[in-house]
Amino acid sequence: MDSEAVYVCDHCGEEIVVPIDLSAGEEQSYVEDCPVCCSPNVLHVTVDDDGRASVWSEGE
């Protein structure tokens, strides 16, 4: 089970490591500001049956 995942900021292109709350369900969406450029990203998280998380982002 992963408790972290990586996404690429939609604004600045930096790879960002984020913690994943596996107890929040298999599909999650939330807004988080990029720690590099401070722009908001909508993060989409999916967790598979083995507990592996995938994350992608889109600009808000």
N, C-alpha and C. Protein backbone atom coordinates (compact mmCIF):
# COMPACT_ATOMS: atom_id res chain seq x y z
N MET A 1 0.83 -1.18 0.00
CA MET A 1 0.00 0.00 0.00
C MET A 1 0.87 1.24 0.00
N ASP A 2 0.64 2.12 -0.95
CA ASP A 2 1.39 3.36 -1.05
C ASP A 2 0.72 4.42 -0.18
N SER A 3 1.55 5.22 0.48
CA SER A 3 0.98 6.34 1.22
C SER A 3 1.44 7.66 0.62
N GLU A 4 2.19 7.58 -0.49
CA GLU A 4 2.62 8.76 -1.23
C GLU A 4 2.51 8.49 -2.71
N ALA A 5 2.36 9.56 -3.47
CA ALA A 5 2.33 9.47 -4.93
C ALA A 5 2.92 10.75 -5.49
N VAL A 6 3.21 10.74 -6.80
CA VAL A 6 3.83 11.87 -7.46
C VAL A 6 2.91 12.37 -8.57
N TYR A 7 2.79 13.70 -8.67
CA TYR A 7 2.09 14.30 -9.80
C TYR A 7 2.97 15.40 -10.37
N VAL A 8 2.66 15.83 -11.58
CA VAL A 8 3.37 16.93 -12.23
C VAL A 8 2.45 18.14 -12.20
N CYS A 9 2.96 19.24 -11.65
CA CYS A 9 2.17 20.47 -11.57
C CYS A 9 1.78 20.91 -12.98
N ASP A 10 0.50 21.19 -13.15
CA ASP A 10 -0.03 21.60 -14.44
C ASP A 10 0.47 22.98 -14.85
N HIS A 11 0.96 23.76 -13.89
CA HIS A 11 1.38 25.14 -14.15
C HIS A 11 2.89 25.26 -14.39
N CYS A 12 3.71 24.66 -13.51
CA CYS A 12 5.16 24.86 -13.61
C CYS A 12 5.92 23.62 -14.06
N GLY A 13 5.26 22.46 -14.11
CA GLY A 13 5.90 21.25 -14.60
C GLY A 13 6.76 20.51 -13.60
N GLU A 14 6.80 20.97 -12.35
CA GLU A 14 7.59 20.30 -11.32
C GLU A 14 6.90 19.02 -10.87
N GLU A 15 7.69 17.98 -10.54
CA GLU A 15 7.15 16.77 -9.95
C GLU A 15 6.98 17.00 -8.46
N ILE A 16 5.79 16.71 -7.95
CA ILE A 16 5.46 16.96 -6.56
C ILE A 16 5.05 15.64 -5.90
N VAL A 17 5.62 15.34 -4.74
CA VAL A 17 5.24 14.17 -3.96
C VAL A 17 4.17 14.59 -2.97
N VAL A 18 3.06 13.86 -2.94
CA VAL A 18 1.97 14.17 -2.02
C VAL A 18 1.62 12.93 -1.20
N PRO A 19 1.24 13.14 0.04
CA PRO A 19 0.74 12.01 0.85
C PRO A 19 -0.65 11.62 0.37
N ILE A 20 -0.97 10.35 0.45
CA ILE A 20 -2.28 9.85 0.04
C ILE A 20 -2.98 9.27 1.25
N ASP A 21 -4.21 9.71 1.47
CA ASP A 21 -5.04 9.17 2.55
C ASP A 21 -5.84 8.01 1.97
N LEU A 22 -5.35 6.79 2.17
CA LEU A 22 -5.99 5.62 1.59
C LEU A 22 -7.37 5.38 2.19
N SER A 23 -7.63 5.90 3.38
CA SER A 23 -8.93 5.70 4.01
C SER A 23 -10.01 6.60 3.40
N ALA A 24 -9.64 7.54 2.53
CA ALA A 24 -10.60 8.47 1.92
C ALA A 24 -11.31 7.88 0.71
N GLY A 25 -11.03 6.65 0.36
CA GLY A 25 -11.74 6.00 -0.74
C GLY A 25 -10.87 5.76 -1.96
N GLU A 26 -11.44 5.01 -2.91
CA GLU A 26 -10.70 4.60 -4.10
C GLU A 26 -10.60 5.69 -5.14
N GLU A 27 -11.51 6.66 -5.12
CA GLU A 27 -11.47 7.80 -6.04
C GLU A 27 -11.61 9.07 -5.23
N GLN A 28 -10.65 9.97 -5.42
CA GLN A 28 -10.63 11.22 -4.66
C GLN A 28 -10.30 12.37 -5.60
N SER A 29 -10.81 13.54 -5.30
CA SER A 29 -10.46 14.76 -6.01
C SER A 29 -10.41 15.88 -4.98
N TYR A 30 -9.35 16.69 -5.05
CA TYR A 30 -9.24 17.83 -4.15
C TYR A 30 -8.27 18.84 -4.73
N VAL A 31 -8.31 20.06 -4.22
CA VAL A 31 -7.44 21.13 -4.70
C VAL A 31 -6.27 21.28 -3.74
N GLU A 32 -5.08 21.37 -4.31
CA GLU A 32 -3.88 21.60 -3.51
C GLU A 32 -2.99 22.58 -4.26
N ASP A 33 -2.45 23.55 -3.54
CA ASP A 33 -1.52 24.51 -4.14
C ASP A 33 -0.16 23.86 -4.33
N CYS A 34 0.46 24.11 -5.47
CA CYS A 34 1.80 23.62 -5.74
C CYS A 34 2.77 24.27 -4.75
N PRO A 35 3.63 23.48 -4.10
CA PRO A 35 4.59 24.06 -3.16
C PRO A 35 5.72 24.83 -3.85
N VAL A 36 5.85 24.70 -5.17
CA VAL A 36 6.89 25.39 -5.92
C VAL A 36 6.39 26.73 -6.45
N CYS A 37 5.27 26.72 -7.18
CA CYS A 37 4.79 27.95 -7.81
C CYS A 37 3.52 28.53 -7.17
N CYS A 38 2.97 27.84 -6.19
CA CYS A 38 1.78 28.28 -5.43
C CYS A 38 0.49 28.31 -6.24
N SER A 39 0.48 27.77 -7.44
CA SER A 39 -0.74 27.73 -8.25
C SER A 39 -1.60 26.54 -7.82
N PRO A 40 -2.93 26.70 -7.88
CA PRO A 40 -3.80 25.59 -7.47
C PRO A 40 -3.90 24.51 -8.54
N ASN A 41 -3.89 23.28 -8.10
CA ASN A 41 -4.08 22.12 -8.96
C ASN A 41 -5.23 21.29 -8.41
N VAL A 42 -6.06 20.77 -9.30
CA VAL A 42 -7.06 19.80 -8.91
C VAL A 42 -6.39 18.44 -9.04
N LEU A 43 -6.24 17.74 -7.91
CA LEU A 43 -5.61 16.43 -7.91
C LEU A 43 -6.69 15.36 -7.99
N HIS A 44 -6.47 14.39 -8.84
CA HIS A 44 -7.36 13.24 -8.99
C HIS A 44 -6.57 12.01 -8.57
N VAL A 45 -7.11 11.29 -7.60
CA VAL A 45 -6.43 10.13 -7.04
C VAL A 45 -7.30 8.90 -7.27
N THR A 46 -6.68 7.82 -7.73
CA THR A 46 -7.35 6.53 -7.78
C THR A 46 -6.47 5.53 -7.05
N VAL A 47 -7.10 4.65 -6.31
CA VAL A 47 -6.39 3.62 -5.58
C VAL A 47 -6.89 2.28 -6.09
N ASP A 48 -5.94 1.43 -6.54
CA ASP A 48 -6.35 0.13 -7.08
C ASP A 48 -6.57 -0.88 -5.94
N ASP A 49 -6.97 -2.09 -6.31
CA ASP A 49 -7.30 -3.12 -5.31
C ASP A 49 -6.10 -3.52 -4.45
N ASP A 50 -4.89 -3.30 -4.96
CA ASP A 50 -3.68 -3.63 -4.21
C ASP A 50 -3.20 -2.47 -3.34
N GLY A 51 -3.94 -1.35 -3.33
CA GLY A 51 -3.58 -0.21 -2.52
C GLY A 51 -2.58 0.73 -3.18
N ARG A 52 -2.33 0.56 -4.47
CA ARG A 52 -1.42 1.46 -5.19
C ARG A 52 -2.19 2.67 -5.68
N ALA A 53 -1.64 3.85 -5.40
CA ALA A 53 -2.32 5.10 -5.76
C ALA A 53 -1.73 5.68 -7.03
N SER A 54 -2.59 6.24 -7.87
CA SER A 54 -2.20 6.99 -9.04
C SER A 54 -2.77 8.40 -8.90
N VAL A 55 -1.97 9.41 -9.26
CA VAL A 55 -2.41 10.80 -9.13
C VAL A 55 -2.12 11.53 -10.42
N TRP A 56 -3.05 12.36 -10.86
CA TRP A 56 -2.79 13.30 -11.96
C TRP A 56 -3.46 14.61 -11.60
N SER A 57 -3.00 15.66 -12.24
CA SER A 57 -3.52 16.98 -11.89
C SER A 57 -3.98 17.73 -13.13
N GLU A 58 -4.79 18.75 -12.87
CA GLU A 58 -5.18 19.70 -13.89
C GLU A 58 -5.28 21.05 -13.19
N GLY A 59 -5.00 22.09 -13.92
CA GLY A 59 -5.06 23.43 -13.35
C GLY A 59 -6.47 23.79 -12.95
N GLU A 60 -6.58 24.54 -11.87
CA GLU A 60 -7.91 24.96 -11.42
C GLU A 60 -8.34 26.19 -12.17
